[in-house]
Amino acid sequence: MTVDIDKVFKALADSTRRELLDRLHADNGQTLGTLCEKMSMTRQAVTKHLAILEDANLVATVWQGREKLHYLNPVPLHEISVRWIAKFERNRLDALHQLKQQLERKPDE
Protein backbone atom coordinates (compact mmCIF):
# COMPACT_ATOMS: atom_id res chain seq x y z
CA MET A 1 0.00 0.00 0.00
CA THR A 2 1.40 3.39 -0.92
CA VAL A 3 1.20 6.27 1.47
CA ASP A 4 -0.53 9.49 0.48
CA ILE A 5 2.10 11.87 1.83
CA ASP A 6 -0.25 14.87 1.66
CA LYS A 7 -2.73 13.12 3.97
CA VAL A 8 0.06 12.23 6.39
CA PHE A 9 1.37 15.81 6.53
CA LYS A 10 -2.19 17.13 6.95
CA ALA A 11 -2.79 14.70 9.79
CA LEU A 12 0.49 15.64 11.49
CA ALA A 13 -0.20 19.37 11.14
CA ASP A 14 -2.65 19.33 14.06
CA SER A 15 -1.36 19.23 17.64
CA THR A 16 -4.34 17.20 18.87
CA ARG A 17 -3.65 14.48 16.33
CA ARG A 18 0.03 14.46 17.25
CA GLU A 19 -1.00 14.09 20.90
CA LEU A 20 -3.20 11.12 19.98
CA LEU A 21 -0.25 9.54 18.15
CA ASP A 22 1.95 10.15 21.20
CA ARG A 23 -0.64 8.48 23.43
CA LEU A 24 -0.79 5.47 21.12
CA HIS A 25 3.00 5.32 21.01
CA ALA A 26 3.10 5.24 24.81
CA ASP A 27 0.31 2.66 25.10
CA ASN A 28 -0.71 1.04 21.83
CA GLY A 29 -4.12 -0.57 21.36
CA GLN A 30 -6.40 1.85 23.19
CA THR A 31 -10.15 2.21 22.94
CA LEU A 32 -11.82 5.49 22.05
CA GLY A 33 -12.95 5.86 25.66
CA THR A 34 -9.41 5.49 26.95
CA LEU A 35 -8.08 7.97 24.42
CA CYS A 36 -10.79 10.48 25.37
CA GLU A 37 -10.11 10.32 29.12
CA LYS A 38 -7.36 12.94 29.18
CA MET A 39 -8.44 14.98 26.17
CA SER A 40 -10.17 18.29 26.76
CA MET A 41 -12.69 17.79 23.96
CA THR A 42 -15.81 15.84 23.19
CA ARG A 43 -15.81 12.21 22.18
CA GLN A 44 -17.11 13.24 18.75
CA ALA A 45 -14.16 15.61 18.24
CA VAL A 46 -11.66 12.88 19.15
CA THR A 47 -13.48 10.53 16.75
CA LYS A 48 -13.07 13.06 13.92
CA HIS A 49 -9.34 13.40 14.64
CA LEU A 50 -8.95 9.62 14.71
CA ALA A 51 -10.76 9.37 11.36
CA ILE A 52 -8.21 11.74 9.80
CA LEU A 53 -5.37 9.69 11.30
CA GLU A 54 -6.94 6.49 9.96
CA ASP A 55 -7.40 8.05 6.52
CA ALA A 56 -3.69 8.93 6.53
CA ASN A 57 -2.95 5.32 7.54
CA LEU A 58 -1.27 6.50 10.76
CA VAL A 59 -3.77 4.63 12.92
CA ALA A 60 -5.12 1.14 12.35
CA THR A 61 -8.12 -0.28 14.16
CA VAL A 62 -8.91 -3.81 15.23
CA TRP A 63 -12.18 -5.03 16.66
CA GLN A 64 -11.74 -7.19 19.73
CA GLY A 65 -15.19 -8.37 20.70
CA ARG A 66 -17.24 -5.21 21.19
CA GLU A 67 -14.19 -2.97 21.61
CA LYS A 68 -12.49 -1.12 18.78
CA LEU A 69 -8.78 -0.82 19.53
CA HIS A 70 -6.61 1.86 17.93
CA TYR A 71 -3.00 1.13 17.04
CA LEU A 72 -0.22 3.38 15.83
CA ASN A 73 1.00 2.52 12.33
CA PRO A 74 4.58 3.88 12.04
CA VAL A 75 5.04 2.94 8.36
CA PRO A 76 3.93 6.30 6.90
CA LEU A 77 6.24 8.11 9.35
CA HIS A 78 9.12 5.89 8.27
CA GLU A 79 8.38 6.61 4.62
CA ILE A 80 8.46 10.35 5.33
CA SER A 81 11.73 9.87 7.15
CA VAL A 82 13.25 8.01 4.22
CA ARG A 83 11.86 10.35 1.58
CA TRP A 84 12.17 13.76 3.24
CA ILE A 85 14.49 13.62 6.22
CA ALA A 86 17.17 11.07 5.38
CA LYS A 87 18.20 12.73 2.15
CA PHE A 88 18.82 16.02 3.95
CA GLU A 89 20.67 14.29 6.77
CA ARG A 90 22.89 12.45 4.29
CA ASN A 91 24.33 15.71 2.93
CA ARG A 92 24.94 17.09 6.39
CA LEU A 93 26.58 13.88 7.58
CA ASP A 94 28.79 13.79 4.47
CA ALA A 95 29.87 17.38 5.15
CA LEU A 96 30.67 16.56 8.79
CA HIS A 97 32.65 13.49 7.70
CA GLN A 98 34.69 15.56 5.24
CA LEU A 99 35.32 18.21 7.89
CA LYS A 100 36.45 15.54 10.34
CA GLN A 101 38.86 14.11 7.76
CA GLN A 102 40.31 17.56 7.05
CA LEU A 103 40.77 18.32 10.73
CA GLU A 104 42.43 14.98 11.40
CA ARG A 105 44.90 15.29 8.52
CA LYS A 106 48.52 15.79 9.44
CA PRO A 107 49.94 19.16 8.45
CA ASP A 108 52.39 17.60 5.94
CA GLU A 109 49.64 15.85 3.89
PDB file of N, CA and C in Angstrom:
ATOM      1  N   MET A   1       0.838  -1.176   0.000  1.00  0.00           N
ATOM      2  CA  MET A   1       0.000   0.000   0.000  1.00  0.00           C
ATOM      3  C   MET A   1       0.885   1.243   0.000  1.00  0.00           C
ATOM      4  N   THR A   2       0.624   2.162  -0.898  1.00  0.00           N
ATOM      5  CA  THR A   2       1.399   3.388  -0.925  1.00  0.00           C
ATOM      6  C   THR A   2       0.795   4.401   0.039  1.00  0.00           C
ATOM      7  N   VAL A   3       1.624   5.266   0.502  1.00  0.00           N
ATOM      8  CA  VAL A   3       1.204   6.273   1.466  1.00  0.00           C
ATOM      9  C   VAL A   3       0.925   7.570   0.728  1.00  0.00           C
ATOM     10  N   ASP A   4      -0.219   8.176   1.026  1.00  0.00           N
ATOM     11  CA  ASP A   4      -0.532   9.486   0.478  1.00  0.00           C
ATOM     12  C   ASP A   4       0.124  10.508   1.410  1.00  0.00           C
ATOM     13  N   ILE A   5       1.291  10.983   0.984  1.00  0.00           N
ATOM     14  CA  ILE A   5       2.104  11.871   1.827  1.00  0.00           C
ATOM     15  C   ILE A   5       1.332  13.128   2.235  1.00  0.00           C
ATOM     16  N   ASP A   6       0.519  13.669   1.332  1.00  0.00           N
ATOM     17  CA  ASP A   6      -0.251  14.872   1.662  1.00  0.00           C
ATOM     18  C   ASP A   6      -1.193  14.620   2.841  1.00  0.00           C
ATOM     19  N   LYS A   7      -1.834  13.452   2.857  1.00  0.00           N
ATOM     20  CA  LYS A   7      -2.730  13.119   3.970  1.00  0.00           C
ATOM     21  C   LYS A   7      -1.953  12.974   5.271  1.00  0.00           C
ATOM     22  N   VAL A   8      -0.763  12.410   5.189  1.00  0.00           N
ATOM     23  CA  VAL A   8       0.060  12.232   6.389  1.00  0.00           C
ATOM     24  C   VAL A   8       0.477  13.594   6.939  1.00  0.00           C
ATOM     25  N   PHE A   9       0.969  14.476   6.062  1.00  0.00           N
ATOM     26  CA  PHE A   9       1.367  15.809   6.525  1.00  0.00           C
ATOM     27  C   PHE A   9       0.177  16.585   7.079  1.00  0.00           C
ATOM     28  N   LYS A  10      -0.984  16.452   6.454  1.00  0.00           N
ATOM     29  CA  LYS A  10      -2.190  17.128   6.950  1.00  0.00           C
ATOM     30  C   LYS A  10      -2.545  16.605   8.339  1.00  0.00           C
ATOM     31  N   ALA A  11      -2.466  15.296   8.500  1.00  0.00           N
ATOM     32  CA  ALA A  11      -2.789  14.697   9.795  1.00  0.00           C
ATOM     33  C   ALA A  11      -1.806  15.153  10.872  1.00  0.00           C
ATOM     34  N   LEU A  12      -0.536  15.241  10.517  1.00  0.00           N
ATOM     35  CA  LEU A  12       0.487  15.639  11.485  1.00  0.00           C
ATOM     36  C   LEU A  12       0.485  17.131  11.790  1.00  0.00           C
ATOM     37  N   ALA A  13      -0.198  17.917  10.970  1.00  0.00           N
ATOM     38  CA  ALA A  13      -0.204  19.369  11.140  1.00  0.00           C
ATOM     39  C   ALA A  13      -0.978  19.812  12.380  1.00  0.00           C
ATOM     40  N   ASP A  14      -1.804  18.953  12.928  1.00  0.00           N
ATOM     41  CA  ASP A  14      -2.649  19.326  14.062  1.00  0.00           C
ATOM     42  C   ASP A  14      -2.072  18.783  15.368  1.00  0.00           C
ATOM     43  N   SER A  15      -1.971  19.631  16.366  1.00  0.00           N
ATOM     44  CA  SER A  15      -1.361  19.228  17.642  1.00  0.00           C
ATOM     45  C   SER A  15      -2.189  18.172  18.374  1.00  0.00           C
ATOM     46  N   THR A  16      -3.503  18.208  18.230  1.00  0.00           N
ATOM     47  CA  THR A  16      -4.342  17.197  18.874  1.00  0.00           C
ATOM     48  C   THR A  16      -4.072  15.827  18.281  1.00  0.00           C
ATOM     49  N   ARG A  17      -3.934  15.759  16.964  1.00  0.00           N
ATOM     50  CA  ARG A  17      -3.653  14.475  16.329  1.00  0.00           C
ATOM     51  C   ARG A  17      -2.259  13.974  16.700  1.00  0.00           C
ATOM     52  N   ARG A  18      -1.304  14.883  16.809  1.00  0.00           N
ATOM     53  CA  ARG A  18       0.031  14.463  17.253  1.00  0.00           C
ATOM     54  C   ARG A  18      -0.024  13.937  18.684  1.00  0.00           C
ATOM     55  N   GLU A  19      -0.845  14.564  19.526  1.00  0.00           N
ATOM     56  CA  GLU A  19      -1.005  14.085  20.903  1.00  0.00           C
ATOM     57  C   GLU A  19      -1.622  12.685  20.917  1.00  0.00           C
ATOM     58  N   LEU A  20      -2.608  12.452  20.058  1.00  0.00           N
ATOM     59  CA  LEU A  20      -3.199  11.118  19.977  1.00  0.00           C
ATOM     60  C   LEU A  20      -2.158  10.081  19.545  1.00  0.00           C
ATOM     61  N   LEU A  21      -1.319  10.446  18.577  1.00  0.00           N
ATOM     62  CA  LEU A  21      -0.252   9.535  18.151  1.00  0.00           C
ATOM     63  C   LEU A  21       0.731   9.279  19.286  1.00  0.00           C
ATOM     64  N   ASP A  22       1.059  10.321  20.042  1.00  0.00           N
ATOM     65  CA  ASP A  22       1.952  10.153  21.198  1.00  0.00           C
ATOM     66  C   ASP A  22       1.338   9.210  22.232  1.00  0.00           C
ATOM     67  N   ARG A  23       0.038   9.347  22.457  1.00  0.00           N
ATOM     68  CA  ARG A  23      -0.641   8.481  23.425  1.00  0.00           C
ATOM     69  C   ARG A  23      -0.622   7.024  22.959  1.00  0.00           C
ATOM     70  N   LEU A  24      -0.832   6.831  21.650  1.00  0.00           N
ATOM     71  CA  LEU A  24      -0.787   5.465  21.122  1.00  0.00           C
ATOM     72  C   LEU A  24       0.635   4.909  21.139  1.00  0.00           C
ATOM     73  N   HIS A  25       1.604   5.770  20.930  1.00  0.00           N
ATOM     74  CA  HIS A  25       2.997   5.322  21.008  1.00  0.00           C
ATOM     75  C   HIS A  25       3.325   4.856  22.423  1.00  0.00           C
ATOM     76  N   ALA A  26       2.830   5.582  23.410  1.00  0.00           N
ATOM     77  CA  ALA A  26       3.102   5.244  24.808  1.00  0.00           C
ATOM     78  C   ALA A  26       2.351   3.984  25.242  1.00  0.00           C
ATOM     79  N   ASP A  27       1.148   3.808  24.710  1.00  0.00           N
ATOM     80  CA  ASP A  27       0.306   2.664  25.105  1.00  0.00           C
ATOM     81  C   ASP A  27      -0.555   2.280  23.907  1.00  0.00           C
ATOM     82  N   ASN A  28      -0.037   1.417  23.073  1.00  0.00           N
ATOM     83  CA  ASN A  28      -0.707   1.043  21.827  1.00  0.00           C
ATOM     84  C   ASN A  28      -1.931   0.175  22.101  1.00  0.00           C
ATOM     85  N   GLY A  29      -2.935   0.271  21.242  1.00  0.00           N
ATOM     86  CA  GLY A  29      -4.117  -0.568  21.357  1.00  0.00           C
ATOM     87  C   GLY A  29      -5.156  -0.050  22.332  1.00  0.00           C
ATOM     88  N   GLN A  30      -5.446   1.244  22.269  1.00  0.00           N
ATOM     89  CA  GLN A  30      -6.396   1.847  23.191  1.00  0.00           C
ATOM     90  C   GLN A  30      -7.773   1.984  22.548  1.00  0.00           C
ATOM     91  N   THR A  31      -8.783   1.965  23.395  1.00  0.00           N
ATOM     92  CA  THR A  31     -10.150   2.209  22.937  1.00  0.00           C
ATOM     93  C   THR A  31     -10.379   3.715  22.820  1.00  0.00           C
ATOM     94  N   LEU A  32     -11.460   4.077  22.162  1.00  0.00           N
ATOM     95  CA  LEU A  32     -11.819   5.490  22.046  1.00  0.00           C
ATOM     96  C   LEU A  32     -12.026   6.097  23.428  1.00  0.00           C
ATOM     97  N   GLY A  33     -12.697   5.360  24.301  1.00  0.00           N
ATOM     98  CA  GLY A  33     -12.947   5.860  25.655  1.00  0.00           C
ATOM     99  C   GLY A  33     -11.664   6.165  26.403  1.00  0.00           C
ATOM    100  N   THR A  34     -10.699   5.281  26.286  1.00  0.00           N
ATOM    101  CA  THR A  34      -9.411   5.489  26.952  1.00  0.00           C
ATOM    102  C   THR A  34      -8.689   6.695  26.374  1.00  0.00           C
ATOM    103  N   LEU A  35      -8.730   6.830  25.053  1.00  0.00           N
ATOM    104  CA  LEU A  35      -8.079   7.974  24.417  1.00  0.00           C
ATOM    105  C   LEU A  35      -8.745   9.288  24.807  1.00  0.00           C
ATOM    106  N   CYS A  36     -10.045   9.259  25.032  1.00  0.00           N
ATOM    107  CA  CYS A  36     -10.791  10.477  25.367  1.00  0.00           C
ATOM    108  C   CYS A  36     -10.595  10.924  26.809  1.00  0.00           C
ATOM    109  N   GLU A  37     -10.178  10.011  27.692  1.00  0.00           N
ATOM    110  CA  GLU A  37     -10.110  10.316  29.121  1.00  0.00           C
ATOM    111  C   GLU A  37      -9.333  11.580  29.446  1.00  0.00           C
ATOM    112  N   LYS A  38      -8.196  11.788  28.828  1.00  0.00           N
ATOM    113  CA  LYS A  38      -7.357  12.937  29.184  1.00  0.00           C
ATOM    114  C   LYS A  38      -7.382  14.038  28.126  1.00  0.00           C
ATOM    115  N   MET A  39      -8.326  13.944  27.198  1.00  0.00           N
ATOM    116  CA  MET A  39      -8.440  14.977  26.166  1.00  0.00           C
ATOM    117  C   MET A  39      -9.483  15.991  26.617  1.00  0.00           C
ATOM    118  N   SER A  40      -9.222  17.242  26.371  1.00  0.00           N
ATOM    119  CA  SER A  40     -10.172  18.293  26.763  1.00  0.00           C
ATOM    120  C   SER A  40     -11.089  18.634  25.589  1.00  0.00           C
ATOM    121  N   MET A  41     -11.759  17.602  25.067  1.00  0.00           N
ATOM    122  CA  MET A  41     -12.693  17.792  23.961  1.00  0.00           C
ATOM    123  C   MET A  41     -13.712  16.670  23.994  1.00  0.00           C
ATOM    124  N   THR A  42     -14.742  16.831  23.197  1.00  0.00           N
ATOM    125  CA  THR A  42     -15.807  15.840  23.190  1.00  0.00           C
ATOM    126  C   THR A  42     -15.352  14.549  22.517  1.00  0.00           C
ATOM    127  N   ARG A  43     -16.073  13.510  22.791  1.00  0.00           N
ATOM    128  CA  ARG A  43     -15.810  12.207  22.183  1.00  0.00           C
ATOM    129  C   ARG A  43     -15.927  12.302  20.655  1.00  0.00           C
ATOM    130  N   GLN A  44     -16.909  13.075  20.186  1.00  0.00           N
ATOM    131  CA  GLN A  44     -17.109  13.241  18.750  1.00  0.00           C
ATOM    132  C   GLN A  44     -15.915  13.935  18.101  1.00  0.00           C
ATOM    133  N   ALA A  45     -15.332  14.908  18.781  1.00  0.00           N
ATOM    134  CA  ALA A  45     -14.163  15.614  18.239  1.00  0.00           C
ATOM    135  C   ALA A  45     -12.964  14.668  18.141  1.00  0.00           C
ATOM    136  N   VAL A  46     -12.762  13.848  19.176  1.00  0.00           N
ATOM    137  CA  VAL A  46     -11.665  12.876  19.152  1.00  0.00           C
ATOM    138  C   VAL A  46     -11.895  11.877  18.020  1.00  0.00           C
ATOM    139  N   THR A  47     -13.140  11.460  17.832  1.00  0.00           N
ATOM    140  CA  THR A  47     -13.482  10.532  16.747  1.00  0.00           C
ATOM    141  C   THR A  47     -13.121  11.122  15.393  1.00  0.00           C
ATOM    142  N   LYS A  48     -13.405  12.405  15.201  1.00  0.00           N
ATOM    143  CA  LYS A  48     -13.066  13.064  13.923  1.00  0.00           C
ATOM    144  C   LYS A  48     -11.555  13.094  13.704  1.00  0.00           C
ATOM    145  N   HIS A  49     -10.804  13.385  14.754  1.00  0.00           N
ATOM    146  CA  HIS A  49      -9.343  13.396  14.642  1.00  0.00           C
ATOM    147  C   HIS A  49      -8.811  11.999  14.326  1.00  0.00           C
ATOM    148  N   LEU A  50      -9.367  10.994  14.977  1.00  0.00           N
ATOM    149  CA  LEU A  50      -8.945   9.618  14.712  1.00  0.00           C
ATOM    150  C   LEU A  50      -9.269   9.206  13.275  1.00  0.00           C
ATOM    151  N   ALA A  51     -10.394   9.687  12.748  1.00  0.00           N
ATOM    152  CA  ALA A  51     -10.761   9.370  11.363  1.00  0.00           C
ATOM    153  C   ALA A  51      -9.734   9.936  10.386  1.00  0.00           C
ATOM    154  N   ILE A  52      -9.242  11.129  10.657  1.00  0.00           N
ATOM    155  CA  ILE A  52      -8.209  11.736   9.805  1.00  0.00           C
ATOM    156  C   ILE A  52      -6.912  10.937   9.903  1.00  0.00           C
ATOM    157  N   LEU A  53      -6.567  10.505  11.115  1.00  0.00           N
ATOM    158  CA  LEU A  53      -5.365   9.686  11.302  1.00  0.00           C
ATOM    159  C   LEU A  53      -5.510   8.330  10.604  1.00  0.00           C
ATOM    160  N   GLU A  54      -6.693   7.757  10.658  1.00  0.00           N
ATOM    161  CA  GLU A  54      -6.936   6.492   9.963  1.00  0.00           C
ATOM    162  C   GLU A  54      -6.857   6.683   8.453  1.00  0.00           C
ATOM    163  N   ASP A  55      -7.429   7.780   7.954  1.00  0.00           N
ATOM    164  CA  ASP A  55      -7.399   8.052   6.522  1.00  0.00           C
ATOM    165  C   ASP A  55      -5.966   8.231   6.018  1.00  0.00           C
ATOM    166  N   ALA A  56      -5.103   8.754   6.882  1.00  0.00           N
ATOM    167  CA  ALA A  56      -3.691   8.932   6.530  1.00  0.00           C
ATOM    168  C   ALA A  56      -2.891   7.650   6.793  1.00  0.00           C
ATOM    169  N   ASN A  57      -3.563   6.614   7.258  1.00  0.00           N
ATOM    170  CA  ASN A  57      -2.945   5.319   7.544  1.00  0.00           C
ATOM    171  C   ASN A  57      -1.953   5.392   8.713  1.00  0.00           C
ATOM    172  N   LEU A  58      -2.123   6.375   9.575  1.00  0.00           N
ATOM    173  CA  LEU A  58      -1.273   6.496  10.757  1.00  0.00           C
ATOM    174  C   LEU A  58      -1.830   5.721  11.940  1.00  0.00           C
ATOM    175  N   VAL A  59      -3.114   5.403  11.871  1.00  0.00           N
ATOM    176  CA  VAL A  59      -3.766   4.630  12.919  1.00  0.00           C
ATOM    177  C   VAL A  59      -4.535   3.495  12.258  1.00  0.00           C
ATOM    178  N   ALA A  60      -4.366   2.311  12.807  1.00  0.00           N
ATOM    179  CA  ALA A  60      -5.116   1.136  12.354  1.00  0.00           C
ATOM    180  C   ALA A  60      -6.028   0.701  13.497  1.00  0.00           C
ATOM    181  N   THR A  61      -7.180   0.169  13.137  1.00  0.00           N
ATOM    182  CA  THR A  61      -8.117  -0.279  14.164  1.00  0.00           C
ATOM    183  C   THR A  61      -8.370  -1.775  14.026  1.00  0.00           C
ATOM    184  N   VAL A  62      -8.608  -2.385  15.176  1.00  0.00           N
ATOM    185  CA  VAL A  62      -8.914  -3.814  15.234  1.00  0.00           C
ATOM    186  C   VAL A  62     -10.069  -3.987  16.211  1.00  0.00           C
ATOM    187  N   TRP A  63     -11.067  -4.718  15.760  1.00  0.00           N
ATOM    188  CA  TRP A  63     -12.177  -5.030  16.658  1.00  0.00           C
ATOM    189  C   TRP A  63     -11.812  -6.243  17.496  1.00  0.00           C
ATOM    190  N   GLN A  64     -11.970  -6.091  18.812  1.00  0.00           N
ATOM    191  CA  GLN A  64     -11.741  -7.191  19.735  1.00  0.00           C
ATOM    192  C   GLN A  64     -13.030  -7.340  20.548  1.00  0.00           C
ATOM    193  N   GLY A  65     -13.865  -8.251  20.086  1.00  0.00           N
ATOM    194  CA  GLY A  65     -15.189  -8.367  20.703  1.00  0.00           C
ATOM    195  C   GLY A  65     -15.991  -7.127  20.376  1.00  0.00           C
ATOM    196  N   ARG A  66     -16.452  -6.437  21.394  1.00  0.00           N
ATOM    197  CA  ARG A  66     -17.235  -5.211  21.194  1.00  0.00           C
ATOM    198  C   ARG A  66     -16.374  -3.952  21.244  1.00  0.00           C
ATOM    199  N   GLU A  67     -15.085  -4.126  21.496  1.00  0.00           N
ATOM    200  CA  GLU A  67     -14.185  -2.975  21.606  1.00  0.00           C
ATOM    201  C   GLU A  67     -13.414  -2.755  20.306  1.00  0.00           C
ATOM    202  N   LYS A  68     -13.294  -1.502  19.939  1.00  0.00           N
ATOM    203  CA  LYS A  68     -12.486  -1.117  18.779  1.00  0.00           C
ATOM    204  C   LYS A  68     -11.179  -0.554  19.316  1.00  0.00           C
ATOM    205  N   LEU A  69     -10.090  -1.246  19.030  1.00  0.00           N
ATOM    206  CA  LEU A  69      -8.783  -0.825  19.531  1.00  0.00           C
ATOM    207  C   LEU A  69      -8.040  -0.060  18.449  1.00  0.00           C
ATOM    208  N   HIS A  70      -7.355   0.999  18.843  1.00  0.00           N
ATOM    209  CA  HIS A  70      -6.611   1.858  17.935  1.00  0.00           C
ATOM    210  C   HIS A  70      -5.114   1.616  18.130  1.00  0.00           C
ATOM    211  N   TYR A  71      -4.431   1.410  17.017  1.00  0.00           N
ATOM    212  CA  TYR A  71      -2.998   1.134  17.041  1.00  0.00           C
ATOM    213  C   TYR A  71      -2.251   2.124  16.153  1.00  0.00           C
ATOM    214  N   LEU A  72      -1.096   2.532  16.613  1.00  0.00           N
ATOM    215  CA  LEU A  72      -0.216   3.384  15.831  1.00  0.00           C
ATOM    216  C   LEU A  72       0.379   2.575  14.684  1.00  0.00           C
ATOM    217  N   ASN A  73       0.343   3.131  13.480  1.00  0.00           N
ATOM    218  CA  ASN A  73       1.003   2.523  12.327  1.00  0.00           C
ATOM    219  C   ASN A  73       2.185   3.421  11.964  1.00  0.00           C
ATOM    220  N   PRO A  74       3.419   3.022  12.276  1.00  0.00           N
ATOM    221  CA  PRO A  74       4.577   3.882  12.044  1.00  0.00           C
ATOM    222  C   PRO A  74       5.087   3.879  10.601  1.00  0.00           C
ATOM    223  N   VAL A  75       4.528   3.049   9.737  1.00  0.00           N
ATOM    224  CA  VAL A  75       5.039   2.936   8.364  1.00  0.00           C
ATOM    225  C   VAL A  75       5.012   4.265   7.605  1.00  0.00           C
ATOM    226  N   PRO A  76       3.907   5.017   7.625  1.00  0.00           N
ATOM    227  CA  PRO A  76       3.929   6.303   6.904  1.00  0.00           C
ATOM    228  C   PRO A  76       4.981   7.269   7.448  1.00  0.00           C
ATOM    229  N   LEU A  77       5.210   7.244   8.755  1.00  0.00           N
ATOM    230  CA  LEU A  77       6.235   8.108   9.345  1.00  0.00           C
ATOM    231  C   LEU A  77       7.622   7.686   8.868  1.00  0.00           C
ATOM    232  N   HIS A  78       7.832   6.389   8.770  1.00  0.00           N
ATOM    233  CA  HIS A  78       9.115   5.893   8.271  1.00  0.00           C
ATOM    234  C   HIS A  78       9.321   6.310   6.813  1.00  0.00           C
ATOM    235  N   GLU A  79       8.263   6.220   6.024  1.00  0.00           N
ATOM    236  CA  GLU A  79       8.379   6.608   4.619  1.00  0.00           C
ATOM    237  C   GLU A  79       8.695   8.098   4.470  1.00  0.00           C
ATOM    238  N   ILE A  80       8.119   8.913   5.338  1.00  0.00           N
ATOM    239  CA  ILE A  80       8.459  10.348   5.333  1.00  0.00           C
ATOM    240  C   ILE A  80       9.916  10.525   5.725  1.00  0.00           C
ATOM    241  N   SER A  81      10.344   9.787   6.715  1.00  0.00           N
ATOM    242  CA  SER A  81      11.730   9.869   7.152  1.00  0.00           C
ATOM    243  C   SER A  81      12.680   9.515   6.017  1.00  0.00           C
ATOM    244  N   VAL A  82      12.390   8.436   5.329  1.00  0.00           N
ATOM    245  CA  VAL A  82      13.249   8.012   4.222  1.00  0.00           C
ATOM    246  C   VAL A  82      13.215   9.027   3.090  1.00  0.00           C
ATOM    247  N   ARG A  83      12.026   9.484   2.745  1.00  0.00           N
ATOM    248  CA  ARG A  83      11.857  10.355   1.579  1.00  0.00           C
ATOM    249  C   ARG A  83      12.300  11.790   1.847  1.00  0.00           C
ATOM    250  N   TRP A  84      11.970  12.328   3.012  1.00  0.00           N
ATOM    251  CA  TRP A  84      12.172  13.761   3.236  1.00  0.00           C
ATOM    252  C   TRP A  84      13.293  14.093   4.203  1.00  0.00           C
ATOM    253  N   ILE A  85      13.512  13.271   5.189  1.00  0.00           N
ATOM    254  CA  ILE A  85      14.489  13.621   6.218  1.00  0.00           C
ATOM    255  C   ILE A  85      15.856  13.025   5.918  1.00  0.00           C
ATOM    256  N   ALA A  86      15.890  11.754   5.578  1.00  0.00           N
ATOM    257  CA  ALA A  86      17.172  11.067   5.380  1.00  0.00           C
ATOM    258  C   ALA A  86      18.020  11.720   4.304  1.00  0.00           C
ATOM    259  N   LYS A  87      17.392  12.151   3.220  1.00  0.00           N
ATOM    260  CA  LYS A  87      18.203  12.733   2.146  1.00  0.00           C
ATOM    261  C   LYS A  87      18.859  14.044   2.576  1.00  0.00           C
ATOM    262  N   PHE A  88      18.215  14.785   3.461  1.00  0.00           N
ATOM    263  CA  PHE A  88      18.822  16.020   3.953  1.00  0.00           C
ATOM    264  C   PHE A  88      19.891  15.714   4.985  1.00  0.00           C
ATOM    265  N   GLU A  89      19.678  14.711   5.790  1.00  0.00           N
ATOM    266  CA  GLU A  89      20.668  14.288   6.770  1.00  0.00           C
ATOM    267  C   GLU A  89      21.924  13.776   6.084  1.00  0.00           C
ATOM    268  N   ARG A  90      21.751  13.046   4.997  1.00  0.00           N
ATOM    269  CA  ARG A  90      22.891  12.450   4.285  1.00  0.00           C
ATOM    270  C   ARG A  90      23.894  13.540   3.892  1.00  0.00           C
ATOM    271  N   ASN A  91      23.431  14.623   3.337  1.00  0.00           N
ATOM    272  CA  ASN A  91      24.331  15.706   2.928  1.00  0.00           C
ATOM    273  C   ASN A  91      25.058  16.307   4.126  1.00  0.00           C
ATOM    274  N   ARG A  92      24.332  16.501   5.197  1.00  0.00           N
ATOM    275  CA  ARG A  92      24.938  17.086   6.391  1.00  0.00           C
ATOM    276  C   ARG A  92      25.972  16.139   6.987  1.00  0.00           C
ATOM    277  N   LEU A  93      25.639  14.861   7.033  1.00  0.00           N
ATOM    278  CA  LEU A  93      26.584  13.884   7.576  1.00  0.00           C
ATOM    279  C   LEU A  93      27.819  13.758   6.693  1.00  0.00           C
ATOM    280  N   ASP A  94      27.641  13.808   5.372  1.00  0.00           N
ATOM    281  CA  ASP A  94      28.793  13.787   4.466  1.00  0.00           C
ATOM    282  C   ASP A  94      29.694  14.990   4.704  1.00  0.00           C
ATOM    283  N   ALA A  95      29.090  16.169   4.898  1.00  0.00           N
ATOM    284  CA  ALA A  95      29.870  17.381   5.149  1.00  0.00           C
ATOM    285  C   ALA A  95      30.637  17.266   6.472  1.00  0.00           C
ATOM    286  N   LEU A  96      29.986  16.740   7.499  1.00  0.00           N
ATOM    287  CA  LEU A  96      30.666  16.559   8.786  1.00  0.00           C
ATOM    288  C   LEU A  96      31.805  15.552   8.675  1.00  0.00           C
ATOM    289  N   HIS A  97      31.594  14.495   7.907  1.00  0.00           N
ATOM    290  CA  HIS A  97      32.646  13.490   7.701  1.00  0.00           C
ATOM    291  C   HIS A  97      33.852  14.107   6.988  1.00  0.00           C
ATOM    292  N   GLN A  98      33.591  14.899   5.962  1.00  0.00           N
ATOM    293  CA  GLN A  98      34.690  15.558   5.237  1.00  0.00           C
ATOM    294  C   GLN A  98      35.433  16.538   6.138  1.00  0.00           C
ATOM    295  N   LEU A  99      34.698  17.277   6.950  1.00  0.00           N
ATOM    296  CA  LEU A  99      35.321  18.211   7.885  1.00  0.00           C
ATOM    297  C   LEU A  99      36.196  17.460   8.889  1.00  0.00           C
ATOM    298  N   LYS A 100      35.686  16.355   9.396  1.00  0.00           N
ATOM    299  CA  LYS A 100      36.448  15.541  10.342  1.00  0.00           C
ATOM    300  C   LYS A 100      37.743  15.060   9.698  1.00  0.00           C
ATOM    301  N   GLN A 101      37.656  14.582   8.456  1.00  0.00           N
ATOM    302  CA  GLN A 101      38.859  14.108   7.762  1.00  0.00           C
ATOM    303  C   GLN A 101      39.867  15.237   7.589  1.00  0.00           C
ATOM    304  N   GLN A 102      39.408  16.418   7.236  1.00  0.00           N
ATOM    305  CA  GLN A 102      40.307  17.559   7.053  1.00  0.00           C
ATOM    306  C   GLN A 102      40.971  17.947   8.365  1.00  0.00           C
ATOM    307  N   LEU A 103      40.226  17.939   9.435  1.00  0.00           N
ATOM    308  CA  LEU A 103      40.770  18.322  10.728  1.00  0.00           C
ATOM    309  C   LEU A 103      41.757  17.291  11.271  1.00  0.00           C
ATOM    310  N   GLU A 104      41.552  16.042  10.904  1.00  0.00           N
ATOM    311  CA  GLU A 104      42.432  14.980  11.397  1.00  0.00           C
ATOM    312  C   GLU A 104      43.666  14.773  10.537  1.00  0.00           C
ATOM    313  N   ARG A 105      43.735  15.420   9.380  1.00  0.00           N
ATOM    314  CA  ARG A 105      44.902  15.286   8.522  1.00  0.00           C
ATOM    315  C   ARG A 105      46.136  15.892   9.196  1.00  0.00           C
ATOM    316  N   LYS A 106      47.254  15.255   8.926  1.00  0.00           N
ATOM    317  CA  LYS A 106      48.522  15.790   9.437  1.00  0.00           C
ATOM    318  C   LYS A 106      48.890  16.978   8.588  1.00  0.00           C
ATOM    319  N   PRO A 107      49.584  17.952   9.185  1.00  0.00           N
ATOM    320  CA  PRO A 107      49.945  19.164   8.447  1.00  0.00           C
ATOM    321  C   PRO A 107      50.764  18.905   7.168  1.00  0.00           C
ATOM    322  N   ASP A 108      51.547  17.856   7.096  1.00  0.00           N
ATOM    323  CA  ASP A 108      52.388  17.602   5.942  1.00  0.00           C
ATOM    324  C   ASP A 108      51.664  16.889   4.805  1.00  0.00           C
ATOM    325  N   GLU A 109      50.385  16.559   4.955  1.00  0.00           N
ATOM    326  CA  GLU A 109      49.638  15.850   3.893  1.00  0.00           C
ATOM    327  C   GLU A 109      49.088  16.808   2.876  1.00  0.00           C
TER     328      GLU A 109
END
